[in-house]
Amino acid sequence: MSTAKIRIRQVRSANGASRRQLETLRALGLGRIGRATERPLSPAVRGQIQAIRHLVEVEEVA
């Protein structure tokens, strides 16, 4: 059984973002434009992405 993975890349600046959004970026391992991380797709990660969807791009990893 393989779990789906996604790549999350920060594409916009966090300037002007709320403290909660900044903490979400850090929890995902982001914080600078261009930085990317791979995470297993789970409800928790989906919720984090939803909170910062205007700052990141998401793609599936094969």
PDB file of N, CA and C in Angstrom:
ATOM      1  N   MET A   1       0.841  -1.184   0.000  1.00  0.00           N
ATOM      2  CA  MET A   1       0.000   0.000   0.000  1.00  0.00           C
ATOM      3  C   MET A   1       0.884   1.245   0.000  1.00  0.00           C
ATOM      4  N   SER A   2       0.768   2.047  -1.041  1.00  0.00           N
ATOM      5  CA  SER A   2       1.571   3.257  -1.101  1.00  0.00           C
ATOM      6  C   SER A   2       0.692   4.467  -0.795  1.00  0.00           C
ATOM      7  N   THR A   3       1.272   5.411  -0.087  1.00  0.00           N
ATOM      8  CA  THR A   3       0.523   6.612   0.226  1.00  0.00           C
ATOM      9  C   THR A   3       0.830   7.675  -0.811  1.00  0.00           C
ATOM     10  N   ALA A   4      -0.158   8.449  -1.160  1.00  0.00           N
ATOM     11  CA  ALA A   4       0.026   9.520  -2.127  1.00  0.00           C
ATOM     12  C   ALA A   4       0.884  10.613  -1.494  1.00  0.00           C
ATOM     13  N   LYS A   5       1.754  11.204  -2.309  1.00  0.00           N
ATOM     14  CA  LYS A   5       2.588  12.298  -1.833  1.00  0.00           C
ATOM     15  C   LYS A   5       2.323  13.518  -2.695  1.00  0.00           C
ATOM     16  N   ILE A   6       2.506  14.674  -2.094  1.00  0.00           N
ATOM     17  CA  ILE A   6       2.350  15.923  -2.821  1.00  0.00           C
ATOM     18  C   ILE A   6       3.571  16.792  -2.585  1.00  0.00           C
ATOM     19  N   ARG A   7       3.877  17.623  -3.569  1.00  0.00           N
ATOM     20  CA  ARG A   7       4.956  18.598  -3.435  1.00  0.00           C
ATOM     21  C   ARG A   7       4.309  19.963  -3.260  1.00  0.00           C
ATOM     22  N   ILE A   8       4.717  20.661  -2.220  1.00  0.00           N
ATOM     23  CA  ILE A   8       4.186  21.990  -1.919  1.00  0.00           C
ATOM     24  C   ILE A   8       5.326  22.978  -2.121  1.00  0.00           C
ATOM     25  N   ARG A   9       5.096  23.986  -2.961  1.00  0.00           N
ATOM     26  CA  ARG A   9       6.125  24.990  -3.241  1.00  0.00           C
ATOM     27  C   ARG A   9       5.577  26.374  -2.933  1.00  0.00           C
ATOM     28  N   GLN A  10       6.322  27.149  -2.170  1.00  0.00           N
ATOM     29  CA  GLN A  10       5.900  28.516  -1.874  1.00  0.00           C
ATOM     30  C   GLN A  10       6.212  29.393  -3.071  1.00  0.00           C
ATOM     31  N   VAL A  11       5.198  30.098  -3.573  1.00  0.00           N
ATOM     32  CA  VAL A  11       5.370  30.928  -4.759  1.00  0.00           C
ATOM     33  C   VAL A  11       5.097  32.409  -4.507  1.00  0.00           C
ATOM     34  N   ARG A  12       4.573  32.740  -3.346  1.00  0.00           N
ATOM     35  CA  ARG A  12       4.301  34.136  -3.018  1.00  0.00           C
ATOM     36  C   ARG A  12       4.888  34.467  -1.667  1.00  0.00           C
ATOM     37  N   SER A  13       5.179  35.724  -1.467  1.00  0.00           N
ATOM     38  CA  SER A  13       5.761  36.200  -0.219  1.00  0.00           C
ATOM     39  C   SER A  13       4.749  36.107   0.918  1.00  0.00           C
ATOM     40  N   ALA A  14       5.269  35.877   2.111  1.00  0.00           N
ATOM     41  CA  ALA A  14       4.416  35.815   3.291  1.00  0.00           C
ATOM     42  C   ALA A  14       4.264  37.184   3.940  1.00  0.00           C
ATOM     43  N   ASN A  15       4.825  38.233   3.327  1.00  0.00           N
ATOM     44  CA  ASN A  15       4.652  39.583   3.873  1.00  0.00           C
ATOM     45  C   ASN A  15       3.171  39.917   3.932  1.00  0.00           C
ATOM     46  N   GLY A  16       2.729  40.375   5.062  1.00  0.00           N
ATOM     47  CA  GLY A  16       1.328  40.725   5.236  1.00  0.00           C
ATOM     48  C   GLY A  16       0.453  39.566   5.659  1.00  0.00           C
ATOM     49  N   ALA A  17       1.022  38.375   5.728  1.00  0.00           N
ATOM     50  CA  ALA A  17       0.250  37.205   6.155  1.00  0.00           C
ATOM     51  C   ALA A  17       0.055  37.260   7.672  1.00  0.00           C
ATOM     52  N   SER A  18      -0.992  36.614   8.132  1.00  0.00           N
ATOM     53  CA  SER A  18      -1.247  36.578   9.573  1.00  0.00           C
ATOM     54  C   SER A  18      -0.233  35.665  10.267  1.00  0.00           C
ATOM     55  N   ARG A  19      -0.136  35.803  11.562  1.00  0.00           N
ATOM     56  CA  ARG A  19       0.778  34.970  12.355  1.00  0.00           C
ATOM     57  C   ARG A  19       0.438  33.486  12.169  1.00  0.00           C
ATOM     58  N   ARG A  20      -0.841  33.195  12.115  1.00  0.00           N
ATOM     59  CA  ARG A  20      -1.283  31.807  11.942  1.00  0.00           C
ATOM     60  C   ARG A  20      -0.814  31.237  10.598  1.00  0.00           C
ATOM     61  N   GLN A  21      -0.896  32.050   9.545  1.00  0.00           N
ATOM     62  CA  GLN A  21      -0.434  31.601   8.236  1.00  0.00           C
ATOM     63  C   GLN A  21       1.082  31.411   8.226  1.00  0.00           C
ATOM     64  N   LEU A  22       1.813  32.305   8.883  1.00  0.00           N
ATOM     65  CA  LEU A  22       3.263  32.159   8.973  1.00  0.00           C
ATOM     66  C   LEU A  22       3.634  30.869   9.699  1.00  0.00           C
ATOM     67  N   GLU A  23       2.922  30.569  10.781  1.00  0.00           N
ATOM     68  CA  GLU A  23       3.190  29.349  11.533  1.00  0.00           C
ATOM     69  C   GLU A  23       2.865  28.106  10.707  1.00  0.00           C
ATOM     70  N   THR A  24       1.837  28.188   9.883  1.00  0.00           N
ATOM     71  CA  THR A  24       1.483  27.067   9.007  1.00  0.00           C
ATOM     72  C   THR A  24       2.577  26.840   7.968  1.00  0.00           C
ATOM     73  N   LEU A  25       3.096  27.924   7.387  1.00  0.00           N
ATOM     74  CA  LEU A  25       4.203  27.793   6.433  1.00  0.00           C
ATOM     75  C   LEU A  25       5.386  27.099   7.095  1.00  0.00           C
ATOM     76  N   ARG A  26       5.741  27.532   8.295  1.00  0.00           N
ATOM     77  CA  ARG A  26       6.873  26.936   9.012  1.00  0.00           C
ATOM     78  C   ARG A  26       6.621  25.464   9.321  1.00  0.00           C
ATOM     79  N   ALA A  27       5.392  25.138   9.706  1.00  0.00           N
ATOM     80  CA  ALA A  27       5.063  23.747  10.037  1.00  0.00           C
ATOM     81  C   ALA A  27       5.205  22.842   8.823  1.00  0.00           C
ATOM     82  N   LEU A  28       4.995  23.386   7.639  1.00  0.00           N
ATOM     83  CA  LEU A  28       5.145  22.620   6.409  1.00  0.00           C
ATOM     84  C   LEU A  28       6.583  22.618   5.899  1.00  0.00           C
ATOM     85  N   GLY A  29       7.473  23.372   6.549  1.00  0.00           N
ATOM     86  CA  GLY A  29       8.867  23.412   6.128  1.00  0.00           C
ATOM     87  C   GLY A  29       9.137  24.459   5.069  1.00  0.00           C
ATOM     88  N   LEU A  30       8.257  25.439   4.961  1.00  0.00           N
ATOM     89  CA  LEU A  30       8.418  26.504   3.976  1.00  0.00           C
ATOM     90  C   LEU A  30       8.814  27.790   4.691  1.00  0.00           C
ATOM     91  N   GLY A  31       8.797  28.912   3.998  1.00  0.00           N
ATOM     92  CA  GLY A  31       9.126  30.174   4.626  1.00  0.00           C
ATOM     93  C   GLY A  31       9.823  31.136   3.682  1.00  0.00           C
ATOM     94  N   ARG A  32      10.282  30.635   2.535  1.00  0.00           N
ATOM     95  CA  ARG A  32      10.915  31.487   1.542  1.00  0.00           C
ATOM     96  C   ARG A  32      10.340  31.132   0.174  1.00  0.00           C
ATOM     97  N   ILE A  33      10.250  32.116  -0.679  1.00  0.00           N
ATOM     98  CA  ILE A  33       9.756  31.878  -2.032  1.00  0.00           C
ATOM     99  C   ILE A  33      10.685  30.885  -2.721  1.00  0.00           C
ATOM    100  N   GLY A  34      10.113  29.894  -3.386  1.00  0.00           N
ATOM    101  CA  GLY A  34      10.883  28.898  -4.107  1.00  0.00           C
ATOM    102  C   GLY A  34      11.169  27.644  -3.314  1.00  0.00           C
ATOM    103  N   ARG A  35      11.025  27.688  -2.012  1.00  0.00           N
ATOM    104  CA  ARG A  35      11.278  26.506  -1.194  1.00  0.00           C
ATOM    105  C   ARG A  35      10.148  25.511  -1.391  1.00  0.00           C
ATOM    106  N   ALA A  36      10.492  24.228  -1.430  1.00  0.00           N
ATOM    107  CA  ALA A  36       9.496  23.183  -1.653  1.00  0.00           C
ATOM    108  C   ALA A  36       9.704  22.053  -0.662  1.00  0.00           C
ATOM    109  N   THR A  37       8.639  21.311  -0.419  1.00  0.00           N
ATOM    110  CA  THR A  37       8.691  20.165   0.473  1.00  0.00           C
ATOM    111  C   THR A  37       7.717  19.114  -0.029  1.00  0.00           C
ATOM    112  N   GLU A  38       7.995  17.871   0.282  1.00  0.00           N
ATOM    113  CA  GLU A  38       7.079  16.783  -0.062  1.00  0.00           C
ATOM    114  C   GLU A  38       6.468  16.247   1.214  1.00  0.00           C
ATOM    115  N   ARG A  39       5.168  16.030   1.173  1.00  0.00           N
ATOM    116  CA  ARG A  39       4.439  15.537   2.337  1.00  0.00           C
ATOM    117  C   ARG A  39       3.468  14.454   1.892  1.00  0.00           C
ATOM    118  N   PRO A  40       3.176  13.491   2.765  1.00  0.00           N
ATOM    119  CA  PRO A  40       2.119  12.522   2.454  1.00  0.00           C
ATOM    120  C   PRO A  40       0.768  13.237   2.484  1.00  0.00           C
ATOM    121  N   LEU A  41      -0.105  12.859   1.591  1.00  0.00           N
ATOM    122  CA  LEU A  41      -1.425  13.484   1.524  1.00  0.00           C
ATOM    123  C   LEU A  41      -2.286  12.947   2.655  1.00  0.00           C
ATOM    124  N   SER A  42      -2.696  13.834   3.550  1.00  0.00           N
ATOM    125  CA  SER A  42      -3.534  13.466   4.679  1.00  0.00           C
ATOM    126  C   SER A  42      -4.508  14.609   4.940  1.00  0.00           C
ATOM    127  N   PRO A  43      -5.554  14.354   5.699  1.00  0.00           N
ATOM    128  CA  PRO A  43      -6.497  15.428   6.005  1.00  0.00           C
ATOM    129  C   PRO A  43      -5.830  16.613   6.711  1.00  0.00           C
ATOM    130  N   ALA A  44      -4.864  16.354   7.568  1.00  0.00           N
ATOM    131  CA  ALA A  44      -4.185  17.439   8.281  1.00  0.00           C
ATOM    132  C   ALA A  44      -3.401  18.318   7.310  1.00  0.00           C
ATOM    133  N   VAL A  45      -2.686  17.702   6.395  1.00  0.00           N
ATOM    134  CA  VAL A  45      -1.896  18.464   5.427  1.00  0.00           C
ATOM    135  C   VAL A  45      -2.827  19.222   4.483  1.00  0.00           C
ATOM    136  N   ARG A  46      -3.929  18.599   4.088  1.00  0.00           N
ATOM    137  CA  ARG A  46      -4.905  19.301   3.241  1.00  0.00           C
ATOM    138  C   ARG A  46      -5.424  20.559   3.931  1.00  0.00           C
ATOM    139  N   GLY A  47      -5.694  20.472   5.221  1.00  0.00           N
ATOM    140  CA  GLY A  47      -6.160  21.633   5.985  1.00  0.00           C
ATOM    141  C   GLY A  47      -5.114  22.728   6.048  1.00  0.00           C
ATOM    142  N   GLN A  48      -3.852  22.343   6.219  1.00  0.00           N
ATOM    143  CA  GLN A  48      -2.780  23.335   6.242  1.00  0.00           C
ATOM    144  C   GLN A  48      -2.670  24.033   4.894  1.00  0.00           C
ATOM    145  N   ILE A  49      -2.750  23.270   3.828  1.00  0.00           N
ATOM    146  CA  ILE A  49      -2.668  23.855   2.484  1.00  0.00           C
ATOM    147  C   ILE A  49      -3.836  24.805   2.251  1.00  0.00           C
ATOM    148  N   GLN A  50      -5.011  24.433   2.704  1.00  0.00           N
ATOM    149  CA  GLN A  50      -6.195  25.270   2.528  1.00  0.00           C
ATOM    150  C   GLN A  50      -5.989  26.635   3.189  1.00  0.00           C
ATOM    151  N   ALA A  51      -5.307  26.659   4.324  1.00  0.00           N
ATOM    152  CA  ALA A  51      -5.096  27.903   5.059  1.00  0.00           C
ATOM    153  C   ALA A  51      -4.129  28.850   4.352  1.00  0.00           C
ATOM    154  N   ILE A  52      -3.235  28.302   3.518  1.00  0.00           N
ATOM    155  CA  ILE A  52      -2.233  29.141   2.848  1.00  0.00           C
ATOM    156  C   ILE A  52      -2.263  28.952   1.338  1.00  0.00           C
ATOM    157  N   ARG A  53      -3.405  28.565   0.793  1.00  0.00           N
ATOM    158  CA  ARG A  53      -3.512  28.227  -0.627  1.00  0.00           C
ATOM    159  C   ARG A  53      -3.134  29.383  -1.549  1.00  0.00           C
ATOM    160  N   HIS A  54      -3.224  30.617  -1.077  1.00  0.00           N
ATOM    161  CA  HIS A  54      -2.871  31.766  -1.908  1.00  0.00           C
ATOM    162  C   HIS A  54      -1.359  32.007  -1.961  1.00  0.00           C
ATOM    163  N   LEU A  55      -0.585  31.271  -1.167  1.00  0.00           N
ATOM    164  CA  LEU A  55       0.866  31.443  -1.118  1.00  0.00           C
ATOM    165  C   LEU A  55       1.639  30.309  -1.758  1.00  0.00           C
ATOM    166  N   VAL A  56       0.957  29.192  -2.057  1.00  0.00           N
ATOM    167  CA  VAL A  56       1.664  27.984  -2.495  1.00  0.00           C
ATOM    168  C   VAL A  56       1.069  27.393  -3.768  1.00  0.00           C
ATOM    169  N   GLU A  57       1.870  26.534  -4.419  1.00  0.00           N
ATOM    170  CA  GLU A  57       1.405  25.687  -5.506  1.00  0.00           C
ATOM    171  C   GLU A  57       1.557  24.249  -5.043  1.00  0.00           C
ATOM    172  N   VAL A  58       0.622  23.408  -5.439  1.00  0.00           N
ATOM    173  CA  VAL A  58       0.636  22.013  -5.009  1.00  0.00           C
ATOM    174  C   VAL A  58       0.588  21.117  -6.242  1.00  0.00           C
ATOM    175  N   GLU A  59       1.421  20.065  -6.241  1.00  0.00           N
ATOM    176  CA  GLU A  59       1.384  19.089  -7.337  1.00  0.00           C
ATOM    177  C   GLU A  59       1.590  17.692  -6.770  1.00  0.00           C
ATOM    178  N   GLU A  60       1.033  16.719  -7.458  1.00  0.00           N
ATOM    179  CA  GLU A  60       1.212  15.323  -7.047  1.00  0.00           C
ATOM    180  C   GLU A  60       2.587  14.834  -7.431  1.00  0.00           C
ATOM    181  N   VAL A  61       3.155  13.973  -6.601  1.00  0.00           N
ATOM    182  CA  VAL A  61       4.441  13.370  -6.892  1.00  0.00           C
ATOM    183  C   VAL A  61       4.176  11.918  -7.271  1.00  0.00           C
ATOM    184  N   ALA A  62       4.726  11.503  -8.408  1.00  0.00           N
ATOM    185  CA  ALA A  62       4.488  10.143  -8.901  1.00  0.00           C
ATOM    186  C   ALA A  62       5.212   9.115  -8.064  1.00  0.00           C
TER     187      ALA A  62
END
